[in-house]
PDB file of all heavy atoms in Angstrom:
ATOM      1  N   GLY A   1      10.000  36.547  64.728  1.00  0.00           N
ATOM      2  CA  GLY A   1       8.992  35.884  65.564  1.00  0.00           C
ATOM      3  C   GLY A   1       8.663  36.728  66.773  1.00  0.00           C
ATOM      4  O   GLY A   1       8.641  37.951  66.690  1.00  0.00           O
ATOM      5  N   THR A   2       8.456  36.050  67.898  1.00  0.00           N
ATOM      6  CA  THR A   2       8.095  36.754  69.118  1.00  0.00           C
ATOM      7  C   THR A   2       8.939  36.260  70.294  1.00  0.00           C
ATOM      8  O   THR A   2       9.410  35.123  70.299  1.00  0.00           O
ATOM      9  CB  THR A   2       6.605  36.524  69.470  1.00  0.00           C
ATOM     10  OG1 THR A   2       6.386  35.121  69.614  1.00  0.00           O
ATOM     11  CG2 THR A   2       5.679  37.086  68.407  1.00  0.00           C
ATOM     12  N   VAL A   3       9.102  37.118  71.256  1.00  0.00           N
ATOM     13  CA  VAL A   3       9.750  36.748  72.512  1.00  0.00           C
ATOM     14  C   VAL A   3       8.680  36.104  73.383  1.00  0.00           C
ATOM     15  O   VAL A   3       7.600  36.665  73.574  1.00  0.00           O
ATOM     16  CB  VAL A   3      10.354  37.994  73.208  1.00  0.00           C
ATOM     17  CG1 VAL A   3      10.887  37.646  74.583  1.00  0.00           C
ATOM     18  CG2 VAL A   3      11.441  38.608  72.340  1.00  0.00           C
ATOM     19  N   THR A   4       8.964  34.908  73.883  1.00  0.00           N
ATOM     20  CA  THR A   4       7.968  34.208  74.695  1.00  0.00           C
ATOM     21  C   THR A   4       8.199  34.360  76.194  1.00  0.00           C
ATOM     22  O   THR A   4       7.275  34.186  76.975  1.00  0.00           O
ATOM     23  CB  THR A   4       7.933  32.705  74.351  1.00  0.00           C
ATOM     24  OG1 THR A   4       9.236  32.142  74.540  1.00  0.00           O
ATOM     25  CG2 THR A   4       7.477  32.511  72.905  1.00  0.00           C
ATOM     26  N   LYS A   5       9.456  34.684  76.596  1.00  0.00           N
ATOM     27  CA  LYS A   5       9.704  34.961  78.006  1.00  0.00           C
ATOM     28  C   LYS A   5      11.068  35.613  78.178  1.00  0.00           C
ATOM     29  O   LYS A   5      11.972  35.433  77.368  1.00  0.00           O
ATOM     30  CB  LYS A   5       9.615  33.704  78.875  1.00  0.00           C
ATOM     31  CG  LYS A   5      10.750  32.723  78.700  1.00  0.00           C
ATOM     32  CD  LYS A   5      10.594  31.549  79.664  1.00  0.00           C
ATOM     33  CE  LYS A   5      11.616  30.463  79.351  1.00  0.00           C
ATOM     34  NZ  LYS A   5      11.483  29.317  80.242  1.00  0.00           N
ATOM     35  N   VAL A   6      11.170  36.387  79.243  1.00  0.00           N
ATOM     36  CA  VAL A   6      12.433  36.986  79.661  1.00  0.00           C
ATOM     37  C   VAL A   6      12.633  36.598  81.114  1.00  0.00           C
ATOM     38  O   VAL A   6      11.744  36.805  81.952  1.00  0.00           O
ATOM     39  CB  VAL A   6      12.427  38.519  79.491  1.00  0.00           C
ATOM     40  CG1 VAL A   6      13.677  39.141  80.080  1.00  0.00           C
ATOM     41  CG2 VAL A   6      12.289  38.887  78.018  1.00  0.00           C
ATOM     42  N   GLU A   7      13.792  35.989  81.405  1.00  0.00           N
ATOM     43  CA  GLU A   7      14.113  35.540  82.758  1.00  0.00           C
ATOM     44  C   GLU A   7      15.169  36.463  83.365  1.00  0.00           C
ATOM     45  O   GLU A   7      16.065  36.918  82.673  1.00  0.00           O
ATOM     46  CB  GLU A   7      14.653  34.116  82.732  1.00  0.00           C
ATOM     47  CG  GLU A   7      13.670  33.118  82.145  1.00  0.00           C
ATOM     48  CD  GLU A   7      14.330  31.801  81.847  1.00  0.00           C
ATOM     49  OE1 GLU A   7      15.011  31.710  80.800  1.00  0.00           O
ATOM     50  OE2 GLU A   7      14.168  30.864  82.658  1.00  0.00           O
ATOM     51  N   PHE A   8      15.073  36.687  84.671  1.00  0.00           N
ATOM     52  CA  PHE A   8      15.978  37.561  85.396  1.00  0.00           C
ATOM     53  C   PHE A   8      16.775  36.726  86.395  1.00  0.00           C
ATOM     54  O   PHE A   8      16.194  35.930  87.136  1.00  0.00           O
ATOM     55  CB  PHE A   8      15.180  38.637  86.136  1.00  0.00           C
ATOM     56  CG  PHE A   8      14.409  39.534  85.202  1.00  0.00           C
ATOM     57  CD1 PHE A   8      13.143  39.181  84.764  1.00  0.00           C
ATOM     58  CD2 PHE A   8      14.959  40.715  84.754  1.00  0.00           C
ATOM     59  CE1 PHE A   8      12.428  40.001  83.896  1.00  0.00           C
ATOM     60  CE2 PHE A   8      14.256  41.547  83.891  1.00  0.00           C
ATOM     61  CZ  PHE A   8      12.993  41.188  83.456  1.00  0.00           C
ATOM     62  N   PHE A   9      18.103  36.927  86.414  1.00  0.00           N
ATOM     63  CA  PHE A   9      18.992  36.144  87.268  1.00  0.00           C
ATOM     64  C   PHE A   9      19.896  37.036  88.106  1.00  0.00           C
ATOM     65  O   PHE A   9      20.369  38.070  87.638  1.00  0.00           O
ATOM     66  CB  PHE A   9      19.888  35.230  86.422  1.00  0.00           C
ATOM     67  CG  PHE A   9      19.147  34.187  85.646  1.00  0.00           C
ATOM     68  CD1 PHE A   9      18.689  34.456  84.372  1.00  0.00           C
ATOM     69  CD2 PHE A   9      18.903  32.936  86.201  1.00  0.00           C
ATOM     70  CE1 PHE A   9      18.000  33.492  83.644  1.00  0.00           C
ATOM     71  CE2 PHE A   9      18.219  31.969  85.488  1.00  0.00           C
ATOM     72  CZ  PHE A   9      17.767  32.246  84.210  1.00  0.00           C
ATOM     73  N   ALA A  10      20.159  36.605  89.334  1.00  0.00           N
ATOM     74  CA  ALA A  10      21.196  37.175  90.194  1.00  0.00           C
ATOM     75  C   ALA A  10      22.114  36.013  90.532  1.00  0.00           C
ATOM     76  O   ALA A  10      21.692  35.028  91.147  1.00  0.00           O
ATOM     77  CB  ALA A  10      20.613  37.779  91.465  1.00  0.00           C
ATOM     78  N   ASN A  11      23.376  36.129  90.094  1.00  0.00           N
ATOM     79  CA  ASN A  11      24.305  35.004  90.156  1.00  0.00           C
ATOM     80  C   ASN A  11      23.666  33.850  89.390  1.00  0.00           C
ATOM     81  O   ASN A  11      23.245  34.037  88.267  1.00  0.00           O
ATOM     82  CB  ASN A  11      24.691  34.668  91.589  1.00  0.00           C
ATOM     83  CG  ASN A  11      25.376  35.847  92.271  1.00  0.00           C
ATOM     84  OD1 ASN A  11      26.163  36.557  91.646  1.00  0.00           O
ATOM     85  ND2 ASN A  11      25.069  36.062  93.533  1.00  0.00           N
ATOM     86  N   THR A  12      23.542  32.695  89.944  1.00  0.00           N
ATOM     87  CA  THR A  12      22.892  31.594  89.224  1.00  0.00           C
ATOM     88  C   THR A  12      21.443  31.400  89.656  1.00  0.00           C
ATOM     89  O   THR A  12      20.782  30.475  89.190  1.00  0.00           O
ATOM     90  CB  THR A  12      23.667  30.277  89.452  1.00  0.00           C
ATOM     91  OG1 THR A  12      23.727  30.010  90.855  1.00  0.00           O
ATOM     92  CG2 THR A  12      25.080  30.381  88.882  1.00  0.00           C
ATOM     93  N   ASN A  13      20.944  32.276  90.517  1.00  0.00           N
ATOM     94  CA  ASN A  13      19.575  32.146  91.026  1.00  0.00           C
ATOM     95  C   ASN A  13      18.579  32.875  90.124  1.00  0.00           C
ATOM     96  O   ASN A  13      18.729  34.067  89.857  1.00  0.00           O
ATOM     97  CB  ASN A  13      19.478  32.727  92.439  1.00  0.00           C
ATOM     98  CG  ASN A  13      20.396  32.034  93.404  1.00  0.00           C
ATOM     99  OD1 ASN A  13      20.529  30.816  93.391  1.00  0.00           O
ATOM    100  ND2 ASN A  13      21.061  32.811  94.237  1.00  0.00           N
ATOM    101  N   LYS A  14      17.576  32.147  89.683  1.00  0.00           N
ATOM    102  CA  LYS A  14      16.522  32.770  88.889  1.00  0.00           C
ATOM    103  C   LYS A  14      15.626  33.564  89.816  1.00  0.00           C
ATOM    104  O   LYS A  14      15.062  33.033  90.776  1.00  0.00           O
ATOM    105  CB  LYS A  14      15.716  31.708  88.150  1.00  0.00           C
ATOM    106  CG  LYS A  14      14.643  32.280  87.259  1.00  0.00           C
ATOM    107  CD  LYS A  14      13.959  31.179  86.474  1.00  0.00           C
ATOM    108  CE  LYS A  14      12.785  31.695  85.709  1.00  0.00           C
ATOM    109  NZ  LYS A  14      12.129  30.623  84.947  1.00  0.00           N
ATOM    110  N   LEU A  15      15.505  34.867  89.532  1.00  0.00           N
ATOM    111  CA  LEU A  15      14.661  35.742  90.343  1.00  0.00           C
ATOM    112  C   LEU A  15      13.209  35.672  89.908  1.00  0.00           C
ATOM    113  O   LEU A  15      12.300  35.786  90.715  1.00  0.00           O
ATOM    114  CB  LEU A  15      15.150  37.190  90.240  1.00  0.00           C
ATOM    115  CG  LEU A  15      16.578  37.452  90.704  1.00  0.00           C
ATOM    116  CD1 LEU A  15      16.986  38.876  90.375  1.00  0.00           C
ATOM    117  CD2 LEU A  15      16.701  37.173  92.193  1.00  0.00           C
ATOM    118  N   GLY A  16      12.997  35.511  88.608  1.00  0.00           N
ATOM    119  CA  GLY A  16      11.637  35.467  88.091  1.00  0.00           C
ATOM    120  C   GLY A  16      11.643  35.560  86.581  1.00  0.00           C
ATOM    121  O   GLY A  16      12.700  35.619  85.956  1.00  0.00           O
ATOM    122  N   GLU A  17      10.457  35.572  85.991  1.00  0.00           N
ATOM    123  CA  GLU A  17      10.330  35.688  84.541  1.00  0.00           C
ATOM    124  C   GLU A  17       9.068  36.456  84.189  1.00  0.00           C
ATOM    125  O   GLU A  17       8.129  36.518  84.975  1.00  0.00           O
ATOM    126  CB  GLU A  17      10.347  34.334  83.847  1.00  0.00           C
ATOM    127  CG  GLU A  17       9.140  33.481  84.094  1.00  0.00           C
ATOM    128  CD  GLU A  17       9.225  32.142  83.375  1.00  0.00           C
ATOM    129  OE1 GLU A  17      10.201  31.404  83.577  1.00  0.00           O
ATOM    130  OE2 GLU A  17       8.280  31.832  82.622  1.00  0.00           O
ATOM    131  N   VAL A  18       9.088  37.028  82.988  1.00  0.00           N
ATOM    132  CA  VAL A  18       7.965  37.795  82.466  1.00  0.00           C
ATOM    133  C   VAL A  18       7.701  37.287  81.056  1.00  0.00           C
ATOM    134  O   VAL A  18       8.636  37.048  80.291  1.00  0.00           O
ATOM    135  CB  VAL A  18       8.295  39.305  82.451  1.00  0.00           C
ATOM    136  CG1 VAL A  18       7.141  40.105  81.898  1.00  0.00           C
ATOM    137  CG2 VAL A  18       8.650  39.793  83.844  1.00  0.00           C
ATOM    138  N   VAL A  19       6.428  37.119  80.688  1.00  0.00           N
ATOM    139  CA  VAL A  19       6.100  36.547  79.384  1.00  0.00           C
ATOM    140  C   VAL A  19       5.569  37.572  78.376  1.00  0.00           C
ATOM    141  O   VAL A  19       5.276  37.219  77.245  1.00  0.00           O
ATOM    142  CB  VAL A  19       5.097  35.371  79.527  1.00  0.00           C
ATOM    143  CG1 VAL A  19       5.732  34.231  80.309  1.00  0.00           C
ATOM    144  CG2 VAL A  19       3.807  35.833  80.164  1.00  0.00           C
ATOM    145  N   SER A  20       5.443  38.831  78.787  1.00  0.00           N
ATOM    146  CA  SER A  20       5.000  39.865  77.847  1.00  0.00           C
ATOM    147  C   SER A  20       5.596  41.209  78.265  1.00  0.00           C
ATOM    148  O   SER A  20       5.923  41.418  79.431  1.00  0.00           O
ATOM    149  CB  SER A  20       3.472  39.939  77.809  1.00  0.00           C
ATOM    150  OG  SER A  20       2.960  40.267  79.078  1.00  0.00           O
ATOM    151  N   PRO A  21       5.748  42.110  77.286  1.00  0.00           N
ATOM    152  CA  PRO A  21       6.312  43.420  77.619  1.00  0.00           C
ATOM    153  C   PRO A  21       5.337  44.232  78.466  1.00  0.00           C
ATOM    154  O   PRO A  21       4.133  43.983  78.392  1.00  0.00           O
ATOM    155  CB  PRO A  21       6.543  44.070  76.268  1.00  0.00           C
ATOM    156  CG  PRO A  21       5.873  43.230  75.247  1.00  0.00           C
ATOM    157  CD  PRO A  21       5.490  41.934  75.884  1.00  0.00           C
ATOM    158  N   PRO A  22       5.819  45.155  79.240  1.00  0.00           N
ATOM    159  CA  PRO A  22       7.225  45.518  79.429  1.00  0.00           C
ATOM    160  C   PRO A  22       7.939  44.448  80.259  1.00  0.00           C
ATOM    161  O   PRO A  22       7.359  43.885  81.188  1.00  0.00           O
ATOM    162  CB  PRO A  22       7.171  46.839  80.181  1.00  0.00           C
ATOM    163  CG  PRO A  22       5.884  46.785  80.945  1.00  0.00           C
ATOM    164  CD  PRO A  22       4.940  45.975  80.082  1.00  0.00           C
ATOM    165  N   TYR A  23       9.167  44.172  79.891  1.00  0.00           N
ATOM    166  CA  TYR A  23       9.948  43.140  80.568  1.00  0.00           C
ATOM    167  C   TYR A  23      10.633  43.748  81.781  1.00  0.00           C
ATOM    168  O   TYR A  23      11.734  44.275  81.703  1.00  0.00           O
ATOM    169  CB  TYR A  23      10.965  42.519  79.608  1.00  0.00           C
ATOM    170  CG  TYR A  23      10.310  41.933  78.380  1.00  0.00           C
ATOM    171  CD1 TYR A  23      10.527  42.490  77.134  1.00  0.00           C
ATOM    172  CD2 TYR A  23       9.474  40.828  78.472  1.00  0.00           C
ATOM    173  CE1 TYR A  23       9.931  41.952  75.997  1.00  0.00           C
ATOM    174  CE2 TYR A  23       8.872  40.290  77.353  1.00  0.00           C
ATOM    175  CZ  TYR A  23       9.103  40.858  76.120  1.00  0.00           C
ATOM    176  OH  TYR A  23       8.498  40.333  75.005  1.00  0.00           O
ATOM    177  N   SER A  24       9.952  43.687  82.905  1.00  0.00           N
ATOM    178  CA  SER A  24      10.515  44.224  84.146  1.00  0.00           C
ATOM    179  C   SER A  24      10.133  43.319  85.305  1.00  0.00           C
ATOM    180  O   SER A  24       9.126  42.611  85.263  1.00  0.00           O
ATOM    181  CB  SER A  24      10.039  45.652  84.387  1.00  0.00           C
ATOM    182  OG  SER A  24       8.643  45.691  84.564  1.00  0.00           O
ATOM    183  N   PHE A  25      10.991  43.364  86.317  1.00  0.00           N
ATOM    184  CA  PHE A  25      10.813  42.502  87.478  1.00  0.00           C
ATOM    185  C   PHE A  25      11.163  43.300  88.724  1.00  0.00           C
ATOM    186  O   PHE A  25      12.189  43.984  88.753  1.00  0.00           O
ATOM    187  CB  PHE A  25      11.721  41.274  87.359  1.00  0.00           C
ATOM    188  CG  PHE A  25      11.655  40.351  88.541  1.00  0.00           C
ATOM    189  CD1 PHE A  25      10.609  39.463  88.693  1.00  0.00           C
ATOM    190  CD2 PHE A  25      12.627  40.396  89.522  1.00  0.00           C
ATOM    191  CE1 PHE A  25      10.529  38.624  89.793  1.00  0.00           C
ATOM    192  CE2 PHE A  25      12.564  39.567  90.621  1.00  0.00           C
ATOM    193  CZ  PHE A  25      11.508  38.682  90.756  1.00  0.00           C
ATOM    194  N   VAL A  26      10.325  43.215  89.748  1.00  0.00           N
ATOM    195  CA  VAL A  26      10.601  43.888  91.010  1.00  0.00           C
ATOM    196  C   VAL A  26      11.354  42.926  91.913  1.00  0.00           C
ATOM    197  O   VAL A  26      10.823  41.884  92.308  1.00  0.00           O
ATOM    198  CB  VAL A  26       9.298  44.361  91.700  1.00  0.00           C
ATOM    199  CG1 VAL A  26       9.613  45.000  93.038  1.00  0.00           C
ATOM    200  CG2 VAL A  26       8.544  45.325  90.802  1.00  0.00           C
ATOM    201  N   TRP A  27      12.598  43.257  92.223  1.00  0.00           N
ATOM    202  CA  TRP A  27      13.455  42.423  93.064  1.00  0.00           C
ATOM    203  C   TRP A  27      13.314  42.900  94.497  1.00  0.00           C
ATOM    204  O   TRP A  27      13.674  44.023  94.823  1.00  0.00           O
ATOM    205  CB  TRP A  27      14.891  42.520  92.588  1.00  0.00           C
ATOM    206  CG  TRP A  27      15.863  41.579  93.213  1.00  0.00           C
ATOM    207  CD1 TRP A  27      15.580  40.470  93.938  1.00  0.00           C
ATOM    208  CD2 TRP A  27      17.284  41.668  93.162  1.00  0.00           C
ATOM    209  NE1 TRP A  27      16.738  39.853  94.339  1.00  0.00           N
ATOM    210  CE2 TRP A  27      17.798  40.571  93.870  1.00  0.00           C
ATOM    211  CE3 TRP A  27      18.168  42.568  92.575  1.00  0.00           C
ATOM    212  CZ2 TRP A  27      19.160  40.361  94.017  1.00  0.00           C
ATOM    213  CZ3 TRP A  27      19.514  42.346  92.714  1.00  0.00           C
ATOM    214  CH2 TRP A  27      20.010  41.250  93.430  1.00  0.00           C
ATOM    215  N   THR A  28      12.781  42.058  95.364  1.00  0.00           N
ATOM    216  CA  THR A  28      12.600  42.406  96.772  1.00  0.00           C
ATOM    217  C   THR A  28      13.552  41.584  97.631  1.00  0.00           C
ATOM    218  O   THR A  28      14.098  40.575  97.179  1.00  0.00           O
ATOM    219  CB  THR A  28      11.148  42.154  97.219  1.00  0.00           C
ATOM    220  OG1 THR A  28      10.834  40.781  97.006  1.00  0.00           O
ATOM    221  CG2 THR A  28      10.174  43.031  96.446  1.00  0.00           C
ATOM    222  N   ASN A  29      13.741  42.009  98.860  1.00  0.00           N
ATOM    223  CA  ASN A  29      14.631  41.323  99.808  1.00  0.00           C
ATOM    224  C   ASN A  29      16.021  41.102  99.198  1.00  0.00           C
ATOM    225  O   ASN A  29      16.555  39.994  99.218  1.00  0.00           O
ATOM    226  CB  ASN A  29      14.035  39.990 100.262  1.00  0.00           C
ATOM    227  CG  ASN A  29      12.707  40.179 100.949  1.00  0.00           C
ATOM    228  OD1 ASN A  29      12.554  41.088 101.758  1.00  0.00           O
ATOM    229  ND2 ASN A  29      11.746  39.357 100.622  1.00  0.00           N
TER     230      ASN A  29
END
């Protein structure tokens, strides 16, 4: 099938999510 989302976590805090490739997230602060 397909990947519908990729979520990024630091400890238990969700930093963000991406719904299409490339699966990357810019972590600020």
